[in-house]
Amino acid sequence: MGRFNNAEAFIRAYHVDHDILTQFQTISFLSFPKAIGRSKELDGDQDANFIIADALLIAGSATGITLSAVLIGAGIIGLGVSLHAYAGYQCHTLTRLLYGFLVKESSSGLLIDEDLLGLPI
């Protein structure tokens, strides 16, 4: 039982940045079980999708007050939320986790600084 209570000393919980499950596990008012072990974030390849989704959410919020503008804004916000959910799900797949182990991104998250396999970029 001592090892279980001190799991962070023995287990690393790897996750890709923006992983949808990790996002739910870190929201305190939800009843998702927390990951066991020490959290270690890896780079993912969905950063551009999150930038686009955020831009859609902002654009949808900034539409006018007429009925058509509100409906268009709601559609744009819905598209942004859908893209966020899809990209967050993609971050939870095995290929994205392998990407996180093998690739080091630039600080902007949009360019690859290093490919640990030495493959051409």
PDB file of N, CA and C in Angstrom:
ATOM      1  N   MET A   1       0.824  -1.194   0.000  1.00  0.00           N
ATOM      2  CA  MET A   1       0.000   0.000   0.000  1.00  0.00           C
ATOM      3  C   MET A   1       0.868   1.258   0.000  1.00  0.00           C
ATOM      4  N   GLY A   2       2.063   1.145   0.544  1.00  0.00           N
ATOM      5  CA  GLY A   2       2.955   2.291   0.581  1.00  0.00           C
ATOM      6  C   GLY A   2       3.343   2.766  -0.810  1.00  0.00           C
ATOM      7  N   ARG A   3       3.546   1.829  -1.744  1.00  0.00           N
ATOM      8  CA  ARG A   3       3.872   2.207  -3.122  1.00  0.00           C
ATOM      9  C   ARG A   3       2.695   2.906  -3.791  1.00  0.00           C
ATOM     10  N   PHE A   4       1.474   2.461  -3.511  1.00  0.00           N
ATOM     11  CA  PHE A   4       0.299   3.098  -4.096  1.00  0.00           C
ATOM     12  C   PHE A   4       0.167   4.529  -3.603  1.00  0.00           C
ATOM     13  N   ASN A   5       0.376   4.739  -2.326  1.00  0.00           N
ATOM     14  CA  ASN A   5       0.266   6.082  -1.772  1.00  0.00           C
ATOM     15  C   ASN A   5       1.384   6.994  -2.253  1.00  0.00           C
ATOM     16  N   ASN A   6       2.486   6.419  -2.715  1.00  0.00           N
ATOM     17  CA  ASN A   6       3.624   7.189  -3.205  1.00  0.00           C
ATOM     18  C   ASN A   6       3.834   6.912  -4.699  1.00  0.00           C
ATOM     19  N   ALA A   7       2.741   6.852  -5.464  1.00  0.00           N
ATOM     20  CA  ALA A   7       2.792   6.475  -6.876  1.00  0.00           C
ATOM     21  C   ALA A   7       3.628   7.441  -7.708  1.00  0.00           C
ATOM     22  N   GLU A   8       3.667   8.704  -7.340  1.00  0.00           N
ATOM     23  CA  GLU A   8       4.426   9.680  -8.125  1.00  0.00           C
ATOM     24  C   GLU A   8       5.909   9.356  -8.169  1.00  0.00           C
ATOM     25  N   ALA A   9       6.400   8.628  -7.186  1.00  0.00           N
ATOM     26  CA  ALA A   9       7.814   8.254  -7.179  1.00  0.00           C
ATOM     27  C   ALA A   9       8.101   7.123  -8.164  1.00  0.00           C
ATOM     28  N   PHE A  10       7.067   6.363  -8.559  1.00  0.00           N
ATOM     29  CA  PHE A  10       7.276   5.185  -9.384  1.00  0.00           C
ATOM     30  C   PHE A  10       6.652   5.278 -10.779  1.00  0.00           C
ATOM     31  N   ILE A  11       5.649   6.135 -10.963  1.00  0.00           N
ATOM     32  CA  ILE A  11       4.874   6.161 -12.211  1.00  0.00           C
ATOM     33  C   ILE A  11       4.928   7.540 -12.833  1.00  0.00           C
ATOM     34  N   ARG A  12       5.158   7.574 -14.150  1.00  0.00           N
ATOM     35  CA  ARG A  12       5.020   8.812 -14.921  1.00  0.00           C
ATOM     36  C   ARG A  12       3.768   8.696 -15.772  1.00  0.00           C
ATOM     37  N   ALA A  13       2.900   9.665 -15.688  1.00  0.00           N
ATOM     38  CA  ALA A  13       1.659   9.688 -16.464  1.00  0.00           C
ATOM     39  C   ALA A  13       1.858  10.613 -17.660  1.00  0.00           C
ATOM     40  N   TYR A  14       2.253  10.047 -18.807  1.00  0.00           N
ATOM     41  CA  TYR A  14       2.483  10.844 -20.009  1.00  0.00           C
ATOM     42  C   TYR A  14       1.158  11.220 -20.650  1.00  0.00           C
ATOM     43  N   HIS A  15       1.064  12.446 -21.122  1.00  0.00           N
ATOM     44  CA  HIS A  15      -0.102  12.885 -21.887  1.00  0.00           C
ATOM     45  C   HIS A  15       0.341  13.931 -22.897  1.00  0.00           C
ATOM     46  N   VAL A  16      -0.398  14.010 -23.991  1.00  0.00           N
ATOM     47  CA  VAL A  16      -0.117  14.991 -25.037  1.00  0.00           C
ATOM     48  C   VAL A  16      -0.822  16.289 -24.667  1.00  0.00           C
ATOM     49  N   ASP A  17      -0.155  17.428 -24.932  1.00  0.00           N
ATOM     50  CA  ASP A  17      -0.799  18.708 -24.623  1.00  0.00           C
ATOM     51  C   ASP A  17      -2.161  18.781 -25.314  1.00  0.00           C
ATOM     52  N   HIS A  18      -3.130  19.313 -24.655  1.00  0.00           N
ATOM     53  CA  HIS A  18      -4.522  19.470 -25.118  1.00  0.00           C
ATOM     54  C   HIS A  18      -5.315  18.161 -25.116  1.00  0.00           C
ATOM     55  N   ASP A  19      -4.785  17.084 -24.541  1.00  0.00           N
ATOM     56  CA  ASP A  19      -5.491  15.798 -24.488  1.00  0.00           C
ATOM     57  C   ASP A  19      -6.816  15.997 -23.763  1.00  0.00           C
ATOM     58  N   ILE A  20      -7.899  15.546 -24.391  1.00  0.00           N
ATOM     59  CA  ILE A  20      -9.235  15.809 -23.847  1.00  0.00           C
ATOM     60  C   ILE A  20      -9.446  15.113 -22.498  1.00  0.00           C
ATOM     61  N   LEU A  21      -8.938  13.893 -22.319  1.00  0.00           N
ATOM     62  CA  LEU A  21      -9.114  13.195 -21.045  1.00  0.00           C
ATOM     63  C   LEU A  21      -8.358  13.915 -19.933  1.00  0.00           C
ATOM     64  N   THR A  22      -7.134  14.342 -20.219  1.00  0.00           N
ATOM     65  CA  THR A  22      -6.350  15.058 -19.220  1.00  0.00           C
ATOM     66  C   THR A  22      -7.023  16.378 -18.849  1.00  0.00           C
ATOM     67  N   GLN A  23      -7.625  17.045 -19.841  1.00  0.00           N
ATOM     68  CA  GLN A  23      -8.337  18.289 -19.552  1.00  0.00           C
ATOM     69  C   GLN A  23      -9.479  18.041 -18.567  1.00  0.00           C
ATOM     70  N   PHE A  24     -10.233  16.956 -18.789  1.00  0.00           N
ATOM     71  CA  PHE A  24     -11.327  16.634 -17.875  1.00  0.00           C
ATOM     72  C   PHE A  24     -10.807  16.225 -16.496  1.00  0.00           C
ATOM     73  N   GLN A  25      -9.683  15.523 -16.455  1.00  0.00           N
ATOM     74  CA  GLN A  25      -9.138  15.088 -15.169  1.00  0.00           C
ATOM     75  C   GLN A  25      -8.626  16.253 -14.330  1.00  0.00           C
ATOM     76  N   THR A  26      -8.255  17.357 -14.967  1.00  0.00           N
ATOM     77  CA  THR A  26      -7.713  18.488 -14.214  1.00  0.00           C
ATOM     78  C   THR A  26      -8.782  19.492 -13.787  1.00  0.00           C
ATOM     79  N   ILE A  27     -10.006  19.356 -14.288  1.00  0.00           N
ATOM     80  CA  ILE A  27     -11.090  20.247 -13.861  1.00  0.00           C
ATOM     81  C   ILE A  27     -11.606  19.736 -12.520  1.00  0.00           C
ATOM     82  N   SER A  28     -11.469  20.544 -11.495  1.00  0.00           N
ATOM     83  CA  SER A  28     -11.706  20.067 -10.128  1.00  0.00           C
ATOM     84  C   SER A  28     -13.169  19.730  -9.832  1.00  0.00           C
ATOM     85  N   PHE A  29     -14.135  20.408 -10.468  1.00  0.00           N
ATOM     86  CA  PHE A  29     -15.527  20.154 -10.103  1.00  0.00           C
ATOM     87  C   PHE A  29     -16.120  18.939 -10.827  1.00  0.00           C
ATOM     88  N   LEU A  30     -15.383  18.327 -11.756  1.00  0.00           N
ATOM     89  CA  LEU A  30     -15.847  17.099 -12.394  1.00  0.00           C
ATOM     90  C   LEU A  30     -15.382  15.900 -11.579  1.00  0.00           C
ATOM     91  N   SER A  31     -16.104  14.804 -11.688  1.00  0.00           N
ATOM     92  CA  SER A  31     -15.780  13.640 -10.869  1.00  0.00           C
ATOM     93  C   SER A  31     -14.946  12.607 -11.629  1.00  0.00           C
ATOM     94  N   PHE A  32     -14.146  13.039 -12.605  1.00  0.00           N
ATOM     95  CA  PHE A  32     -13.255  12.110 -13.299  1.00  0.00           C
ATOM     96  C   PHE A  32     -12.135  11.701 -12.355  1.00  0.00           C
ATOM     97  N   PRO A  33     -11.736  10.424 -12.385  1.00  0.00           N
ATOM     98  CA  PRO A  33     -10.605  10.030 -11.548  1.00  0.00           C
ATOM     99  C   PRO A  33      -9.317  10.675 -12.051  1.00  0.00           C
ATOM    100  N   LYS A  34      -8.486  11.062 -11.142  1.00  0.00           N
ATOM    101  CA  LYS A  34      -7.209  11.690 -11.493  1.00  0.00           C
ATOM    102  C   LYS A  34      -6.232  10.620 -11.977  1.00  0.00           C
ATOM    103  N   ALA A  35      -5.298  11.018 -12.841  1.00  0.00           N
ATOM    104  CA  ALA A  35      -4.262  10.094 -13.300  1.00  0.00           C
ATOM    105  C   ALA A  35      -3.321   9.788 -12.138  1.00  0.00           C
ATOM    106  N   ILE A  36      -2.906   8.544 -12.060  1.00  0.00           N
ATOM    107  CA  ILE A  36      -1.965   8.147 -11.005  1.00  0.00           C
ATOM    108  C   ILE A  36      -0.555   8.417 -11.496  1.00  0.00           C
ATOM    109  N   GLY A  37       0.263   8.981 -10.652  1.00  0.00           N
ATOM    110  CA  GLY A  37       1.653   9.220 -10.990  1.00  0.00           C
ATOM    111  C   GLY A  37       1.943  10.688 -11.264  1.00  0.00           C
ATOM    112  N   ARG A  38       3.183  10.935 -11.643  1.00  0.00           N
ATOM    113  CA  ARG A  38       3.648  12.291 -11.932  1.00  0.00           C
ATOM    114  C   ARG A  38       3.320  12.629 -13.384  1.00  0.00           C
ATOM    115  N   SER A  39       2.639  13.732 -13.598  1.00  0.00           N
ATOM    116  CA  SER A  39       2.213  14.135 -14.934  1.00  0.00           C
ATOM    117  C   SER A  39       3.395  14.652 -15.754  1.00  0.00           C
ATOM    118  N   LYS A  40       3.495  14.185 -16.988  1.00  0.00           N
ATOM    119  CA  LYS A  40       4.540  14.624 -17.909  1.00  0.00           C
ATOM    120  C   LYS A  40       3.878  14.952 -19.237  1.00  0.00           C
ATOM    121  N   GLU A  41       3.912  16.237 -19.624  1.00  0.00           N
ATOM    122  CA  GLU A  41       3.270  16.678 -20.861  1.00  0.00           C
ATOM    123  C   GLU A  41       4.215  16.529 -22.050  1.00  0.00           C
ATOM    124  N   LEU A  42       3.671  16.017 -23.159  1.00  0.00           N
ATOM    125  CA  LEU A  42       4.408  15.867 -24.407  1.00  0.00           C
ATOM    126  C   LEU A  42       3.821  16.807 -25.454  1.00  0.00           C
ATOM    127  N   ASP A  43       4.639  17.209 -26.433  1.00  0.00           N
ATOM    128  CA  ASP A  43       4.144  18.042 -27.525  1.00  0.00           C
ATOM    129  C   ASP A  43       3.208  17.238 -28.407  1.00  0.00           C
ATOM    130  N   GLY A  44       2.150  17.895 -28.868  1.00  0.00           N
ATOM    131  CA  GLY A  44       1.229  17.284 -29.823  1.00  0.00           C
ATOM    132  C   GLY A  44       1.263  18.040 -31.134  1.00  0.00           C
ATOM    133  N   ASP A  45       0.621  17.482 -32.144  1.00  0.00           N
ATOM    134  CA  ASP A  45       0.624  18.124 -33.458  1.00  0.00           C
ATOM    135  C   ASP A  45      -0.692  18.822 -33.776  1.00  0.00           C
ATOM    136  N   GLN A  46      -1.519  19.063 -32.779  1.00  0.00           N
ATOM    137  CA  GLN A  46      -2.827  19.676 -33.009  1.00  0.00           C
ATOM    138  C   GLN A  46      -2.870  21.160 -32.660  1.00  0.00           C
ATOM    139  N   ASP A  47      -1.727  21.792 -32.421  1.00  0.00           N
ATOM    140  CA  ASP A  47      -1.694  23.190 -31.990  1.00  0.00           C
ATOM    141  C   ASP A  47      -2.387  24.119 -32.987  1.00  0.00           C
ATOM    142  N   ALA A  48      -2.159  23.918 -34.280  1.00  0.00           N
ATOM    143  CA  ALA A  48      -2.778  24.781 -35.291  1.00  0.00           C
ATOM    144  C   ALA A  48      -4.297  24.652 -35.253  1.00  0.00           C
ATOM    145  N   ASN A  49      -4.812  23.434 -35.039  1.00  0.00           N
ATOM    146  CA  ASN A  49      -6.261  23.255 -34.952  1.00  0.00           C
ATOM    147  C   ASN A  49      -6.847  24.002 -33.757  1.00  0.00           C
ATOM    148  N   PHE A  50      -6.125  24.021 -32.650  1.00  0.00           N
ATOM    149  CA  PHE A  50      -6.622  24.748 -31.483  1.00  0.00           C
ATOM    150  C   PHE A  50      -6.594  26.256 -31.714  1.00  0.00           C
ATOM    151  N   ILE A  51      -5.597  26.744 -32.430  1.00  0.00           N
ATOM    152  CA  ILE A  51      -5.547  28.174 -32.760  1.00  0.00           C
ATOM    153  C   ILE A  51      -6.733  28.546 -33.636  1.00  0.00           C
ATOM    154  N   ILE A  52      -7.033  27.718 -34.639  1.00  0.00           N
ATOM    155  CA  ILE A  52      -8.180  27.978 -35.520  1.00  0.00           C
ATOM    156  C   ILE A  52      -9.476  27.916 -34.726  1.00  0.00           C
ATOM    157  N   ALA A  53      -9.619  26.906 -33.857  1.00  0.00           N
ATOM    158  CA  ALA A  53     -10.838  26.769 -33.056  1.00  0.00           C
ATOM    159  C   ALA A  53     -11.029  27.980 -32.144  1.00  0.00           C
ATOM    160  N   ASP A  54      -9.955  28.444 -31.517  1.00  0.00           N
ATOM    161  CA  ASP A  54     -10.049  29.632 -30.658  1.00  0.00           C
ATOM    162  C   ASP A  54     -10.453  30.858 -31.467  1.00  0.00           C
ATOM    163  N   ALA A  55      -9.902  30.996 -32.672  1.00  0.00           N
ATOM    164  CA  ALA A  55     -10.264  32.128 -33.531  1.00  0.00           C
ATOM    165  C   ALA A  55     -11.742  32.058 -33.911  1.00  0.00           C
ATOM    166  N   LEU A  56     -12.250  30.852 -34.184  1.00  0.00           N
ATOM    167  CA  LEU A  56     -13.679  30.700 -34.498  1.00  0.00           C
ATOM    168  C   LEU A  56     -14.546  31.074 -33.301  1.00  0.00           C
ATOM    169  N   LEU A  57     -14.131  30.667 -32.106  1.00  0.00           N
ATOM    170  CA  LEU A  57     -14.900  31.009 -30.908  1.00  0.00           C
ATOM    171  C   LEU A  57     -14.934  32.518 -30.686  1.00  0.00           C
ATOM    172  N   ILE A  58     -13.804  33.169 -30.901  1.00  0.00           N
ATOM    173  CA  ILE A  58     -13.746  34.634 -30.741  1.00  0.00           C
ATOM    174  C   ILE A  58     -14.580  35.316 -31.817  1.00  0.00           C
ATOM    175  N   ALA A  59     -14.448  34.857 -33.067  1.00  0.00           N
ATOM    176  CA  ALA A  59     -15.205  35.458 -34.165  1.00  0.00           C
ATOM    177  C   ALA A  59     -16.700  35.262 -33.959  1.00  0.00           C
ATOM    178  N   GLY A  60     -17.100  34.087 -33.494  1.00  0.00           N
ATOM    179  CA  GLY A  60     -18.514  33.833 -33.252  1.00  0.00           C
ATOM    180  C   GLY A  60     -19.066  34.688 -32.127  1.00  0.00           C
ATOM    181  N   SER A  61     -18.236  34.993 -31.138  1.00  0.00           N
ATOM    182  CA  SER A  61     -18.668  35.827 -30.009  1.00  0.00           C
ATOM    183  C   SER A  61     -18.764  37.286 -30.394  1.00  0.00           C
ATOM    184  N   ALA A  62     -18.028  37.687 -31.425  1.00  0.00           N
ATOM    185  CA  ALA A  62     -17.944  39.106 -31.778  1.00  0.00           C
ATOM    186  C   ALA A  62     -18.929  39.510 -32.867  1.00  0.00           C
ATOM    187  N   THR A  63     -19.865  38.638 -33.226  1.00  0.00           N
ATOM    188  CA  THR A  63     -20.838  39.011 -34.263  1.00  0.00           C
ATOM    189  C   THR A  63     -21.819  40.032 -33.707  1.00  0.00           C
ATOM    190  N   GLY A  64     -22.586  40.633 -34.602  1.00  0.00           N
ATOM    191  CA  GLY A  64     -23.517  41.705 -34.232  1.00  0.00           C
ATOM    192  C   GLY A  64     -24.706  41.213 -33.421  1.00  0.00           C
ATOM    193  N   ILE A  65     -25.702  42.087 -33.243  1.00  0.00           N
ATOM    194  CA  ILE A  65     -26.835  41.754 -32.387  1.00  0.00           C
ATOM    195  C   ILE A  65     -28.113  41.446 -33.165  1.00  0.00           C
ATOM    196  N   THR A  66     -28.058  41.514 -34.490  1.00  0.00           N
ATOM    197  CA  THR A  66     -29.253  41.151 -35.255  1.00  0.00           C
ATOM    198  C   THR A  66     -29.442  39.643 -35.189  1.00  0.00           C
ATOM    199  N   LEU A  67     -30.658  39.201 -35.493  1.00  0.00           N
ATOM    200  CA  LEU A  67     -30.962  37.774 -35.405  1.00  0.00           C
ATOM    201  C   LEU A  67     -30.062  36.966 -36.333  1.00  0.00           C
ATOM    202  N   SER A  68     -29.874  37.420 -37.540  1.00  0.00           N
ATOM    203  CA  SER A  68     -29.027  36.659 -38.467  1.00  0.00           C
ATOM    204  C   SER A  68     -27.590  36.614 -37.967  1.00  0.00           C
ATOM    205  N   ALA A  69     -27.102  37.716 -37.399  1.00  0.00           N
ATOM    206  CA  ALA A  69     -25.729  37.736 -36.883  1.00  0.00           C
ATOM    207  C   ALA A  69     -25.593  36.792 -35.698  1.00  0.00           C
ATOM    208  N   VAL A  70     -26.614  36.736 -34.848  1.00  0.00           N
ATOM    209  CA  VAL A  70     -26.577  35.834 -33.689  1.00  0.00           C
ATOM    210  C   VAL A  70     -26.573  34.381 -34.154  1.00  0.00           C
ATOM    211  N   LEU A  71     -27.393  34.070 -35.169  1.00  0.00           N
ATOM    212  CA  LEU A  71     -27.435  32.704 -35.691  1.00  0.00           C
ATOM    213  C   LEU A  71     -26.106  32.332 -36.347  1.00  0.00           C
ATOM    214  N   ILE A  72     -25.536  33.255 -37.102  1.00  0.00           N
ATOM    215  CA  ILE A  72     -24.233  33.001 -37.722  1.00  0.00           C
ATOM    216  C   ILE A  72     -23.177  32.828 -36.635  1.00  0.00           C
ATOM    217  N   GLY A  73     -23.215  33.700 -35.628  1.00  0.00           N
ATOM    218  CA  GLY A  73     -22.260  33.595 -34.522  1.00  0.00           C
ATOM    219  C   GLY A  73     -22.381  32.272 -33.795  1.00  0.00           C
ATOM    220  N   ALA A  74     -23.624  31.816 -33.576  1.00  0.00           N
ATOM    221  CA  ALA A  74     -23.833  30.532 -32.902  1.00  0.00           C
ATOM    222  C   ALA A  74     -23.278  29.384 -33.745  1.00  0.00           C
ATOM    223  N   GLY A  75     -23.448  29.474 -35.054  1.00  0.00           N
ATOM    224  CA  GLY A  75     -22.892  28.454 -35.944  1.00  0.00           C
ATOM    225  C   GLY A  75     -21.379  28.435 -35.908  1.00  0.00           C
ATOM    226  N   ILE A  76     -20.775  29.621 -35.896  1.00  0.00           N
ATOM    227  CA  ILE A  76     -19.311  29.710 -35.841  1.00  0.00           C
ATOM    228  C   ILE A  76     -18.800  29.177 -34.506  1.00  0.00           C
ATOM    229  N   ILE A  77     -19.487  29.531 -33.413  1.00  0.00           N
ATOM    230  CA  ILE A  77     -19.094  29.020 -32.094  1.00  0.00           C
ATOM    231  C   ILE A  77     -19.234  27.499 -32.059  1.00  0.00           C
ATOM    232  N   GLY A  78     -20.317  26.961 -32.624  1.00  0.00           N
ATOM    233  CA  GLY A  78     -20.505  25.508 -32.683  1.00  0.00           C
ATOM    234  C   GLY A  78     -19.385  24.823 -33.444  1.00  0.00           C
ATOM    235  N   LEU A  79     -18.950  25.451 -34.546  1.00  0.00           N
ATOM    236  CA  LEU A  79     -17.838  24.905 -35.318  1.00  0.00           C
ATOM    237  C   LEU A  79     -16.550  24.928 -34.494  1.00  0.00           C
ATOM    238  N   GLY A  80     -16.327  26.019 -33.776  1.00  0.00           N
ATOM    239  CA  GLY A  80     -15.138  26.113 -32.923  1.00  0.00           C
ATOM    240  C   GLY A  80     -15.139  25.071 -31.821  1.00  0.00           C
ATOM    241  N   VAL A  81     -16.291  24.870 -31.187  1.00  0.00           N
ATOM    242  CA  VAL A  81     -16.400  23.862 -30.116  1.00  0.00           C
ATOM    243  C   VAL A  81     -16.175  22.460 -30.691  1.00  0.00           C
ATOM    244  N   SER A  82     -16.742  22.203 -31.862  1.00  0.00           N
ATOM    245  CA  SER A  82     -16.558  20.890 -32.500  1.00  0.00           C
ATOM    246  C   SER A  82     -15.096  20.644 -32.830  1.00  0.00           C
ATOM    247  N   LEU A  83     -14.415  21.658 -33.367  1.00  0.00           N
ATOM    248  CA  LEU A  83     -13.003  21.503 -33.701  1.00  0.00           C
ATOM    249  C   LEU A  83     -12.167  21.283 -32.441  1.00  0.00           C
ATOM    250  N   HIS A  84     -12.502  22.001 -31.361  1.00  0.00           N
ATOM    251  CA  HIS A  84     -11.809  21.792 -30.084  1.00  0.00           C
ATOM    252  C   HIS A  84     -11.978  20.348 -29.615  1.00  0.00           C
ATOM    253  N   ALA A  85     -13.204  19.843 -29.665  1.00  0.00           N
ATOM    254  CA  ALA A  85     -13.473  18.485 -29.197  1.00  0.00           C
ATOM    255  C   ALA A  85     -12.751  17.457 -30.066  1.00  0.00           C
ATOM    256  N   TYR A  86     -12.795  17.642 -31.389  1.00  0.00           N
ATOM    257  CA  TYR A  86     -12.132  16.703 -32.296  1.00  0.00           C
ATOM    258  C   TYR A  86     -10.620  16.707 -32.083  1.00  0.00           C
ATOM    259  N   ALA A  87     -10.028  17.884 -32.007  1.00  0.00           N
ATOM    260  CA  ALA A  87      -8.575  17.973 -31.814  1.00  0.00           C
ATOM    261  C   ALA A  87      -8.179  17.411 -30.447  1.00  0.00           C
ATOM    262  N   GLY A  88      -9.001  17.659 -29.423  1.00  0.00           N
ATOM    263  CA  GLY A  88      -8.727  17.101 -28.097  1.00  0.00           C
ATOM    264  C   GLY A  88      -8.788  15.589 -28.099  1.00  0.00           C
ATOM    265  N   TYR A  89      -9.756  15.037 -28.863  1.00  0.00           N
ATOM    266  CA  TYR A  89      -9.831  13.579 -29.000  1.00  0.00           C
ATOM    267  C   TYR A  89      -8.596  13.058 -29.740  1.00  0.00           C
ATOM    268  N   GLN A  90      -8.191  13.730 -30.798  1.00  0.00           N
ATOM    269  CA  GLN A  90      -7.017  13.307 -31.566  1.00  0.00           C
ATOM    270  C   GLN A  90      -5.773  13.267 -30.680  1.00  0.00           C
ATOM    271  N   CYS A  91      -5.678  14.176 -29.731  1.00  0.00           N
ATOM    272  CA  CYS A  91      -4.519  14.209 -28.825  1.00  0.00           C
ATOM    273  C   CYS A  91      -4.474  12.990 -27.911  1.00  0.00           C
ATOM    274  N   HIS A  92      -5.569  12.249 -27.823  1.00  0.00           N
ATOM    275  CA  HIS A  92      -5.630  11.072 -26.946  1.00  0.00           C
ATOM    276  C   HIS A  92      -5.320   9.778 -27.704  1.00  0.00           C
ATOM    277  N   THR A  93      -5.016   9.857 -28.991  1.00  0.00           N
ATOM    278  CA  THR A  93      -4.751   8.648 -29.776  1.00  0.00           C
ATOM    279  C   THR A  93      -3.278   8.251 -29.686  1.00  0.00           C
ATOM    280  N   LEU A  94      -2.987   7.003 -29.996  1.00  0.00           N
ATOM    281  CA  LEU A  94      -1.636   6.472 -29.882  1.00  0.00           C
ATOM    282  C   LEU A  94      -0.667   7.192 -30.826  1.00  0.00           C
ATOM    283  N   THR A  95      -1.102   7.500 -32.047  1.00  0.00           N
ATOM    284  CA  THR A  95      -0.191   8.170 -32.982  1.00  0.00           C
ATOM    285  C   THR A  95       0.233   9.536 -32.461  1.00  0.00           C
ATOM    286  N   ARG A  96      -0.669  10.264 -31.793  1.00  0.00           N
ATOM    287  CA  ARG A  96      -0.313  11.573 -31.234  1.00  0.00           C
ATOM    288  C   ARG A  96       0.623  11.416 -30.050  1.00  0.00           C
ATOM    289  N   LEU A  97       0.442  10.350 -29.273  1.00  0.00           N
ATOM    290  CA  LEU A  97       1.343  10.091 -28.147  1.00  0.00           C
ATOM    291  C   LEU A  97       2.746   9.757 -28.662  1.00  0.00           C
ATOM    292  N   LEU A  98       2.829   8.939 -29.702  1.00  0.00           N
ATOM    293  CA  LEU A  98       4.135   8.629 -30.295  1.00  0.00           C
ATOM    294  C   LEU A  98       4.776   9.885 -30.868  1.00  0.00           C
ATOM    295  N   TYR A  99       3.979  10.743 -31.496  1.00  0.00           N
ATOM    296  CA  TYR A  99       4.493  12.020 -31.989  1.00  0.00           C
ATOM    297  C   TYR A  99       5.110  12.807 -30.832  1.00  0.00           C
ATOM    298  N   GLY A 100       4.423  12.833 -29.705  1.00  0.00           N
ATOM    299  CA  GLY A 100       4.922  13.561 -28.541  1.00  0.00           C
ATOM    300  C   GLY A 100       6.244  13.013 -28.026  1.00  0.00           C
ATOM    301  N   PHE A 101       6.418  11.697 -28.102  1.00  0.00           N
ATOM    302  CA  PHE A 101       7.683  11.092 -27.667  1.00  0.00           C
ATOM    303  C   PHE A 101       8.820  11.354 -28.644  1.00  0.00           C
ATOM    304  N   LEU A 102       8.505  11.484 -29.935  1.00  0.00           N
ATOM    305  CA  LEU A 102       9.549  11.510 -30.957  1.00  0.00           C
ATOM    306  C   LEU A 102       9.869  12.891 -31.510  1.00  0.00           C
ATOM    307  N   VAL A 103       9.036  13.887 -31.260  1.00  0.00           N
ATOM    308  CA  VAL A 103       9.223  15.201 -31.880  1.00  0.00           C
ATOM    309  C   VAL A 103       9.279  16.278 -30.813  1.00  0.00           C
ATOM    310  N   LYS A 104      10.201  17.207 -30.970  1.00  0.00           N
ATOM    311  CA  LYS A 104      10.280  18.370 -30.089  1.00  0.00           C
ATOM    312  C   LYS A 104       9.915  19.588 -30.919  1.00  0.00           C
ATOM    313  N   GLU A 105       8.878  20.299 -30.503  1.00  0.00           N
ATOM    314  CA  GLU A 105       8.391  21.452 -31.245  1.00  0.00           C
ATOM    315  C   GLU A 105       9.095  22.723 -30.795  1.00  0.00           C
ATOM    316  N   SER A 106       8.931  23.769 -31.621  1.00  0.00           N
ATOM    317  CA  SER A 106       9.425  25.088 -31.239  1.00  0.00           C
ATOM    318  C   SER A 106       8.535  25.645 -30.140  1.00  0.00           C
ATOM    319  N   SER A 107       8.910  26.770 -29.576  1.00  0.00           N
ATOM    320  CA  SER A 107       8.125  27.361 -28.490  1.00  0.00           C
ATOM    321  C   SER A 107       6.740  27.784 -28.962  1.00  0.00           C
ATOM    322  N   SER A 108       6.576  28.109 -30.250  1.00  0.00           N
ATOM    323  CA  SER A 108       5.258  28.494 -30.771  1.00  0.00           C
ATOM    324  C   SER A 108       4.362  27.278 -30.927  1.00  0.00           C
ATOM    325  N   GLY A 109       4.957  26.085 -30.989  1.00  0.00           N
ATOM    326  CA  GLY A 109       4.172  24.872 -31.161  1.00  0.00           C
ATOM    327  C   GLY A 109       3.800  24.591 -32.599  1.00  0.00           C
ATOM    328  N   LEU A 110       4.229  25.441 -33.519  1.00  0.00           N
ATOM    329  CA  LEU A 110       3.843  25.272 -34.914  1.00  0.00           C
ATOM    330  C   LEU A 110       4.972  24.740 -35.788  1.00  0.00           C
ATOM    331  N   LEU A 111       6.205  24.811 -35.323  1.00  0.00           N
ATOM    332  CA  LEU A 111       7.347  24.339 -36.094  1.00  0.00           C
ATOM    333  C   LEU A 111       8.057  23.237 -35.327  1.00  0.00           C
ATOM    334  N   ILE A 112       8.656  22.323 -36.053  1.00  0.00           N
ATOM    335  CA  ILE A 112       9.377  21.229 -35.416  1.00  0.00           C
ATOM    336  C   ILE A 112      10.839  21.615 -35.312  1.00  0.00           C
ATOM    337  N   ASP A 113      11.354  21.637 -34.090  1.00  0.00           N
ATOM    338  CA  ASP A 113      12.767  21.930 -33.867  1.00  0.00           C
ATOM    339  C   ASP A 113      13.629  20.690 -34.045  1.00  0.00           C
ATOM    340  N   GLU A 114      13.097  19.556 -33.657  1.00  0.00           N
ATOM    341  CA  GLU A 114      13.925  18.357 -33.620  1.00  0.00           C
ATOM    342  C   GLU A 114      13.056  17.127 -33.826  1.00  0.00           C
ATOM    343  N   ASP A 115      13.496  16.237 -34.697  1.00  0.00           N
ATOM    344  CA  ASP A 115      12.856  14.945 -34.879  1.00  0.00           C
ATOM    345  C   ASP A 115      13.805  13.914 -34.305  1.00  0.00           C
ATOM    346  N   LEU A 116      13.422  13.251 -33.236  1.00  0.00           N
ATOM    347  CA  LEU A 116      14.327  12.369 -32.516  1.00  0.00           C
ATOM    348  C   LEU A 116      14.688  11.105 -33.278  1.00  0.00           C
ATOM    349  N   LEU A 117      13.977  10.811 -34.373  1.00  0.00           N
ATOM    350  CA  LEU A 117      14.357   9.685 -35.217  1.00  0.00           C
ATOM    351  C   LEU A 117      15.374  10.096 -36.270  1.00  0.00           C
ATOM    352  N   GLY A 118      15.585  11.403 -36.418  1.00  0.00           N
ATOM    353  CA  GLY A 118      16.503  11.890 -37.428  1.00  0.00           C
ATOM    354  C   GLY A 118      15.919  11.880 -38.821  1.00  0.00           C
ATOM    355  N   LEU A 119      14.593  11.777 -38.922  1.00  0.00           N
ATOM    356  CA  LEU A 119      13.944  11.764 -40.231  1.00  0.00           C
ATOM    357  C   LEU A 119      13.879  13.164 -40.808  1.00  0.00           C
ATOM    358  N   PRO A 120      13.891  13.292 -42.139  1.00  0.00           N
ATOM    359  CA  PRO A 120      13.780  14.629 -42.724  1.00  0.00           C
ATOM    360  C   PRO A 120      12.441  15.267 -42.377  1.00  0.00           C
ATOM    361  N   ILE A 121      12.469  16.547 -42.128  1.00  0.00           N
ATOM    362  CA  ILE A 121      11.254  17.257 -41.735  1.00  0.00           C
ATOM    363  C   ILE A 121      10.648  17.941 -42.937  1.00  0.00           C
TER     364      ILE A 121
END
